């Protein structure tokens, strides 16, 4: 999932488009404070209600469990087109933007976006769980290993998104350089067809397409769950530098709510998935593979970042990956340019992460 380079271009030229705001509500588990005491904040929500896999779970938990109200916030979900994701944050149409991968943040800040991840709200990559994205080939084709992709074409709906960088980084570790493959744009609805017809040799398939294809017998060469070979935090919620400076109290409240939600989610991982189904955010037909491997319905391996803290070591991992991919110059930035734990009530625990 991630906003494209075209978005950065719009941002850099100052073309700020009006975002469509749709406010949603939900019932909370904690008795609400008086409405007049709550301060509204606008939180990005994906268009077309496509769900919140690996990006929105903690926001929904914080709203449903009453943590936003606990800290004095009226959390309003703002539906904004993906190509307005960054500019809406900069213009003030959004206050908080979940789904910001650290790899995306490195690129965005390098291209001029003035924002930081304020809390690590995204489900990390974990070799013990599903990744939500795979590099898929036909099982009856000649490609069985990464080396077989030399000189081949890889299709994707989003040629400039971070998902491509992940695949290219994995290929480079198996002797296939970025110049050895050609990444070509293919509309999502046509990915399987183009693969079957030989127009491309592999596709980058995001959930739920990768699940559908694997069920049909297609072969996944690589899953992003294995990208680091370990549990690694991958991103969170960003806020603009301007909003952080002008509303530190709201940032602190939002971060505190997500921090509480992370602890609740880690104690009740199966209930997080149930909440997604009950709220209509998750399609049961793609469970459990959206989150677990081998068709297991045991969600106990799911873990969110402790207290929503960002790990500098993990941020450095993503920065190195983006630098290795040639997306940003090496040595130009340091990890702390892209995130802050300052507003997290458990910031002192960050050193132990």
Protein backbone atom coordinates (compact mmCIF):
# COMPACT_ATOMS: atom_id res chain seq x y z
CA UNK A 1 0.00 0.00 0.00
CA UNK A 2 1.50 3.21 -0.56
CA UNK A 3 1.23 6.67 -2.10
CA UNK A 4 3.20 7.11 -5.32
CA UNK A 5 5.94 9.41 -6.54
CA UNK A 6 3.25 11.35 -8.41
CA UNK A 7 1.90 12.35 -5.00
CA UNK A 8 5.29 13.76 -4.03
CA UNK A 9 5.40 15.74 -7.26
CA UNK A 10 2.02 17.29 -6.47
CA UNK A 11 3.24 18.07 -2.99
CA UNK A 12 6.47 19.70 -4.15
CA UNK A 13 4.71 21.91 -6.70
CA UNK A 14 2.17 23.02 -4.13
CA UNK A 15 -0.84 21.58 -5.89
CA UNK A 16 -3.03 20.83 -2.92
CA UNK A 17 -6.35 19.33 -3.88
CA UNK A 18 -9.42 19.35 -1.71
CA UNK A 19 -9.94 16.04 0.08
CA UNK A 20 -13.31 14.40 0.47
CA UNK A 21 -14.10 14.04 4.14
CA UNK A 22 -16.53 11.46 5.39
CA UNK A 23 -17.02 11.16 9.12
CA UNK A 24 -17.80 7.79 10.65
CA UNK A 25 -18.79 6.82 14.17
CA UNK A 26 -18.78 3.73 16.30
CA UNK A 27 -19.96 2.50 19.67
CA UNK A 28 -17.29 2.55 22.37
CA UNK A 29 -16.69 0.30 25.31
CA UNK A 30 -15.90 3.13 27.71
CA UNK A 31 -18.70 5.60 28.63
CA UNK A 32 -18.10 8.71 26.51
CA UNK A 33 -17.15 12.06 27.96
CA UNK A 34 -19.39 15.02 27.27
CA UNK A 35 -19.30 15.74 23.55
CA UNK A 36 -18.35 19.37 24.13
CA UNK A 37 -15.22 18.23 25.97
CA UNK A 38 -13.88 16.22 23.04
CA UNK A 39 -11.54 17.73 20.46
CA UNK A 40 -12.10 16.52 16.88
CA UNK A 41 -9.21 15.02 14.92
CA UNK A 42 -9.35 13.84 11.31
CA UNK A 43 -7.81 10.43 10.70
CA UNK A 44 -7.17 9.00 7.23
CA UNK A 45 -9.37 6.08 6.22
CA UNK A 46 -8.87 4.16 2.95
CA UNK A 47 -11.26 4.94 0.10
CA UNK A 48 -14.06 2.52 -0.77
CA UNK A 49 -13.85 0.98 2.70
CA UNK A 50 -11.30 -1.53 1.48
CA UNK A 51 -10.45 -2.59 5.00
CA UNK A 52 -7.63 -1.94 7.40
CA UNK A 53 -5.35 -4.94 7.03
CA UNK A 54 -1.94 -4.16 8.52
CA UNK A 55 -2.50 -0.46 8.93
CA UNK A 56 -5.71 0.44 10.68
CA UNK A 57 -6.31 -2.20 13.33
CA UNK A 58 -5.07 -0.14 16.26
CA UNK A 59 -7.05 2.92 15.17
CA UNK A 60 -10.23 0.86 15.13
CA UNK A 61 -9.38 -0.72 18.48
CA UNK A 62 -8.71 2.71 20.02
CA UNK A 63 -12.07 3.96 18.78
CA UNK A 64 -14.04 0.85 19.75
CA UNK A 65 -12.45 0.51 23.20
CA UNK A 66 -12.94 4.18 23.95
CA UNK A 67 -9.28 5.11 24.19
CA UNK A 68 -9.66 8.18 21.97
CA UNK A 69 -12.43 9.50 24.21
CA UNK A 70 -10.39 8.56 27.26
CA UNK A 71 -7.78 11.07 26.11
CA UNK A 72 -10.32 13.69 25.05
CA UNK A 73 -10.48 13.09 21.30
CA UNK A 74 -13.40 12.86 18.91
CA UNK A 75 -11.86 10.57 16.29
CA UNK A 76 -13.33 11.26 12.87
CA UNK A 77 -12.45 9.00 9.94
CA UNK A 78 -11.67 11.03 6.82
CA UNK A 79 -11.85 9.20 3.49
CA UNK A 80 -9.18 10.61 1.17
CA UNK A 81 -8.07 9.22 -2.23
CA UNK A 82 -4.66 7.54 -2.11
CA UNK A 83 -3.21 10.08 -4.53
CA UNK A 84 -4.17 12.83 -2.05
CA UNK A 85 -2.67 11.05 0.97
CA UNK A 86 0.37 13.29 1.45
CA UNK A 87 -1.07 16.55 0.19
CA UNK A 88 -4.16 16.17 2.39
CA UNK A 89 -1.90 15.87 5.43
CA UNK A 90 0.08 18.91 4.40
CA UNK A 91 -3.03 20.99 3.67
CA UNK A 92 -4.69 20.16 6.98
CA UNK A 93 -7.48 18.03 5.49
CA UNK A 94 -5.96 15.26 7.60
CA UNK A 95 -4.50 15.49 11.07
CA UNK A 96 -3.23 11.91 11.31
CA UNK A 97 -2.35 9.51 8.49
CA UNK A 98 -2.04 5.80 9.33
CA UNK A 99 -0.57 3.39 6.73
CA UNK A 100 2.76 5.27 6.50
CA UNK A 101 5.46 2.64 6.00
CA UNK A 102 8.88 3.71 7.22
CA UNK A 103 10.26 3.05 3.73
CA UNK A 104 7.63 5.44 2.40
CA UNK A 105 8.54 8.04 5.05
CA UNK A 106 12.21 7.99 4.07
CA UNK A 107 11.27 8.66 0.46
CA UNK A 108 8.57 11.22 1.27
CA UNK A 109 10.75 13.27 3.61
CA UNK A 110 13.62 13.15 1.12
CA UNK A 111 11.26 14.54 -1.54
CA UNK A 112 10.14 17.40 0.71
CA UNK A 113 7.27 16.18 2.88
CA UNK A 114 7.56 17.77 6.33
CA UNK A 115 6.08 15.10 8.59
CA UNK A 116 7.01 12.36 11.03
CA UNK A 117 5.66 9.05 12.21
CA UNK A 118 4.42 9.81 15.72
CA UNK A 119 3.40 6.27 16.73
CA UNK A 120 4.09 2.83 15.31
CA UNK A 121 0.54 1.71 14.60
CA UNK A 122 1.03 -0.76 11.72
CA UNK A 123 1.20 -4.52 12.24
CA UNK A 124 4.89 -5.45 11.85
CA UNK A 125 6.31 -7.92 9.40
CA UNK A 126 6.89 -11.24 11.12
CA UNK A 127 8.12 -14.52 9.60
CA UNK A 128 5.55 -16.31 11.75
CA UNK A 129 2.60 -14.50 10.15
CA UNK A 130 1.33 -13.58 6.69
CA UNK A 131 2.80 -10.59 4.90
CA UNK A 132 -0.05 -9.24 2.81
CA UNK A 133 2.06 -9.02 -0.34
CA UNK A 134 3.84 -11.58 -2.49
CA UNK A 135 5.80 -11.98 -5.73
CA UNK A 136 3.68 -14.49 -7.63
CA UNK A 137 4.42 -16.66 -10.69
CA UNK A 138 2.55 -19.39 -12.53
CA UNK A 139 3.15 -22.80 -10.98
CA UNK A 140 3.28 -24.42 -14.44
CA UNK A 141 5.84 -21.93 -15.76
CA UNK A 142 9.62 -22.02 -15.98
CA UNK A 143 10.24 -19.57 -13.12
CA UNK A 144 10.89 -21.37 -9.84
CA UNK A 145 13.70 -19.33 -8.26
CA UNK A 146 14.61 -15.62 -8.06
CA UNK A 147 17.50 -16.22 -10.46
CA UNK A 148 14.98 -17.30 -13.09
CA UNK A 149 13.63 -13.74 -13.20
CA UNK A 150 16.77 -12.28 -14.79
CA UNK A 151 15.74 -10.49 -17.96
CA UNK A 152 12.05 -10.90 -17.13
CA UNK A 153 9.10 -8.57 -16.55
CA UNK A 154 7.33 -7.97 -13.24
CA UNK A 155 3.84 -6.51 -13.33
CA UNK A 156 2.33 -4.33 -10.62
CA UNK A 157 -0.46 -1.83 -10.23
CA UNK A 158 1.90 0.51 -8.36
CA UNK A 159 5.36 0.69 -10.05
CA UNK A 160 6.56 3.48 -7.72
CA UNK A 161 5.24 2.13 -4.41
CA UNK A 162 7.38 0.66 -1.67
CA UNK A 163 6.14 -2.85 -2.47
CA UNK A 164 8.33 -2.78 -5.57
CA UNK A 165 11.35 -1.80 -3.50
CA UNK A 166 10.78 -4.77 -1.19
CA UNK A 167 10.67 -7.20 -4.12
CA UNK A 168 13.73 -5.69 -5.77
CA UNK A 169 15.66 -5.77 -2.51
CA UNK A 170 14.86 -9.47 -2.11
CA UNK A 171 15.89 -10.18 -5.69
CA UNK A 172 19.16 -8.30 -5.24
CA UNK A 173 20.04 -10.57 -2.33
CA UNK A 174 19.69 -13.49 -4.74
CA UNK A 175 21.92 -12.10 -7.45
CA UNK A 176 19.25 -10.32 -9.50
CA UNK A 177 20.06 -6.60 -9.79
CA UNK A 178 17.44 -3.90 -10.28
CA UNK A 179 18.52 -3.54 -13.90
CA UNK A 180 18.07 -7.25 -14.52
CA UNK A 181 14.26 -7.01 -14.40
CA UNK A 182 11.70 -4.68 -15.91
CA UNK A 183 8.84 -3.43 -13.71
CA UNK A 184 5.77 -2.63 -15.79
CA UNK A 185 2.39 -1.14 -14.82
CA UNK A 186 -0.63 -3.44 -15.01
CA UNK A 187 -4.12 -2.58 -13.67
CA UNK A 188 -4.98 -4.70 -10.65
CA UNK A 189 -8.04 -6.21 -12.32
CA UNK A 190 -5.84 -7.52 -15.15
CA UNK A 191 -2.84 -8.79 -13.20
CA UNK A 192 -3.82 -12.45 -13.27
CA UNK A 193 -4.87 -12.30 -16.93
CA UNK A 194 -1.65 -10.63 -18.06
CA UNK A 195 0.39 -13.14 -16.07
CA UNK A 196 -1.51 -16.07 -17.57
CA UNK A 197 -1.09 -14.71 -21.11
CA UNK A 198 2.65 -14.22 -20.70
CA UNK A 199 2.58 -10.43 -20.84
CA UNK A 200 4.63 -10.46 -17.63
CA UNK A 201 6.58 -13.23 -15.93
CA UNK A 202 5.67 -12.39 -12.33
CA UNK A 203 3.36 -10.02 -10.51
CA UNK A 204 3.48 -8.18 -7.21
CA UNK A 205 0.16 -9.19 -5.69
CA UNK A 206 -1.29 -7.51 -2.62
CA UNK A 207 -3.90 -9.09 -0.37
CA UNK A 208 -6.45 -10.36 -1.11
CA UNK A 209 -5.29 -11.10 -4.68
CA UNK A 210 -2.24 -13.03 -3.49
CA UNK A 211 -4.51 -15.19 -1.32
CA UNK A 212 -6.84 -15.91 -4.22
CA UNK A 213 -3.94 -16.87 -6.48
CA UNK A 214 -2.24 -19.08 -3.90
CA UNK A 215 -5.52 -20.91 -3.35
CA UNK A 216 -5.64 -21.53 -7.11
CA UNK A 217 -2.17 -23.07 -7.01
CA UNK A 218 0.00 -20.15 -8.12
CA UNK A 219 3.50 -20.00 -6.63
CA UNK A 220 4.66 -17.21 -4.33
CA UNK A 221 8.41 -16.78 -4.58
CA UNK A 222 8.61 -14.12 -1.89
CA UNK A 223 6.44 -12.74 0.89
CA UNK A 224 7.21 -9.45 2.60
CA UNK A 225 6.69 -11.21 5.93
CA UNK A 226 10.19 -12.63 5.42
CA UNK A 227 11.85 -9.42 4.27
CA UNK A 228 13.87 -8.88 7.45
CA UNK A 229 14.03 -12.50 8.58
CA UNK A 230 12.82 -11.32 11.99
CA UNK A 231 10.03 -9.38 13.69
CA UNK A 232 10.43 -5.84 12.36
CA UNK A 233 8.18 -2.82 12.85
CA UNK A 234 7.24 -1.39 9.48
CA UNK A 235 5.41 1.91 9.92
CA UNK A 236 2.68 3.84 11.62
CA UNK A 237 0.77 7.08 11.78
CA UNK A 238 2.33 10.29 10.53
CA UNK A 239 1.48 13.89 11.34
CA UNK A 240 2.78 17.02 9.68
CA UNK A 241 5.51 19.00 11.40
CA UNK A 242 3.16 21.99 11.40
CA UNK A 243 0.37 20.07 13.15
CA UNK A 244 2.82 18.63 15.68
CA UNK A 245 4.16 22.08 16.51
CA UNK A 246 0.72 23.70 16.77
CA UNK A 247 -1.17 20.87 18.52
CA UNK A 248 1.23 18.87 20.70
CA UNK A 249 -1.63 18.11 23.10
CA UNK A 250 -3.66 16.42 20.35
CA UNK A 251 -0.62 14.48 19.16
CA UNK A 252 0.07 13.29 22.69
CA UNK A 253 -3.57 12.24 23.10
CA UNK A 254 -3.64 10.36 19.81
CA UNK A 255 -0.37 8.58 20.55
CA UNK A 256 -1.55 7.66 24.06
CA UNK A 257 -4.75 6.17 22.65
CA UNK A 258 -2.86 4.08 20.09
CA UNK A 259 -0.37 3.03 22.78
CA UNK A 260 -3.24 1.69 24.89
CA UNK A 261 -4.72 0.01 21.82
CA UNK A 262 -1.43 -1.74 21.08
CA UNK A 263 -1.36 -3.24 24.54
CA UNK A 264 -4.98 -4.37 24.23
CA UNK A 265 -4.36 -5.86 20.79
CA UNK A 266 -1.29 -7.76 21.95
CA UNK A 267 -3.34 -9.25 24.78
CA UNK A 268 -6.34 -10.04 22.54
CA UNK A 269 -5.09 -10.70 18.98
CA UNK A 270 -8.03 -12.94 18.02
CA UNK A 271 -10.46 -10.26 19.23
CA UNK A 272 -8.79 -7.74 16.92
CA UNK A 273 -9.65 -9.94 13.95
CA UNK A 274 -13.18 -10.49 15.26
CA UNK A 275 -13.59 -6.73 15.56
CA UNK A 276 -12.52 -6.34 11.94
CA UNK A 277 -15.12 -8.85 10.82
CA UNK A 278 -17.86 -7.41 13.02
CA UNK A 279 -17.17 -3.88 11.74
CA UNK A 280 -17.17 -5.03 8.13
CA UNK A 281 -13.52 -4.07 7.66
CA UNK A 282 -12.34 -7.64 6.98
CA UNK A 283 -13.87 -10.02 4.47
CA UNK A 284 -14.18 -13.43 6.16
CA UNK A 285 -13.61 -15.23 2.86
CA UNK A 286 -9.95 -14.18 2.98
CA UNK A 287 -9.38 -15.27 6.55
CA UNK A 288 -7.27 -16.61 8.12
CA UNK A 289 -4.70 -16.16 5.33
CA UNK A 290 -4.79 -12.37 5.61
CA UNK A 291 -2.94 -12.75 8.88
CA UNK A 292 -1.62 -16.28 9.33
CA UNK A 293 0.26 -18.86 7.34
CA UNK A 294 -0.76 -22.39 6.34
CA UNK A 295 -4.45 -21.72 6.86
CA UNK A 296 -4.10 -21.58 10.64
CA UNK A 297 -6.92 -19.90 12.55
CA UNK A 298 -4.61 -19.37 15.53
CA UNK A 299 -3.93 -15.64 15.67
CA UNK A 300 -1.72 -15.79 18.76
CA UNK A 301 1.43 -15.02 16.71
CA UNK A 302 0.14 -11.55 15.84
CA UNK A 303 2.04 -8.84 17.69
CA UNK A 304 1.88 -5.07 17.39
CA UNK A 305 4.73 -2.74 18.45
CA UNK A 306 4.90 -2.58 22.23
CA UNK A 307 3.19 0.64 23.31
CA UNK A 308 3.32 1.77 19.69
CA UNK A 309 6.97 2.71 20.07
CA UNK A 310 9.16 3.12 17.01
CA UNK A 311 12.42 1.17 17.08
CA UNK A 312 15.35 3.18 15.74
CA UNK A 313 17.03 -0.08 14.75
CA UNK A 314 14.03 -1.01 12.62
CA UNK A 315 13.81 2.44 11.07
CA UNK A 316 17.49 2.14 10.16
CA UNK A 317 16.71 -1.20 8.48
CA UNK A 318 14.16 0.45 6.19
CA UNK A 319 16.38 3.43 5.52
CA UNK A 320 19.19 1.13 4.42
CA UNK A 321 16.79 -0.78 2.16
CA UNK A 322 15.62 2.42 0.46
CA UNK A 323 19.17 3.68 0.08
CA UNK A 324 20.24 0.33 -1.38
CA UNK A 325 17.39 0.58 -3.89
CA UNK A 326 18.71 3.98 -4.98
CA UNK A 327 15.53 5.77 -3.91
CA UNK A 328 17.38 8.24 -1.67
CA UNK A 329 21.08 9.10 -1.39
CA UNK A 330 23.03 7.15 1.21
CA UNK A 331 24.10 9.14 4.26
CA UNK A 332 21.81 12.08 3.57
CA UNK A 333 19.43 11.33 6.47
CA UNK A 334 19.45 9.80 9.92
CA UNK A 335 16.66 7.56 11.32
CA UNK A 336 15.37 10.21 13.72
CA UNK A 337 14.53 12.46 10.75
CA UNK A 338 11.49 10.28 10.11
CA UNK A 339 9.89 9.55 13.47
CA UNK A 340 9.52 10.68 17.05
CA UNK A 341 8.66 8.84 20.27
CA UNK A 342 8.50 12.16 22.15
CA UNK A 343 4.72 12.10 22.58
CA UNK A 344 4.50 8.49 23.72
CA UNK A 345 3.92 8.11 27.48
CA UNK A 346 6.18 5.05 27.36
CA UNK A 347 9.04 6.80 25.55
CA UNK A 348 11.50 5.78 28.24
CA UNK A 349 10.87 2.18 27.22
CA UNK A 350 12.08 2.89 23.68
CA UNK A 351 15.69 2.25 24.63
CA UNK A 352 14.76 -1.29 25.56
CA UNK A 353 13.06 -2.01 22.24
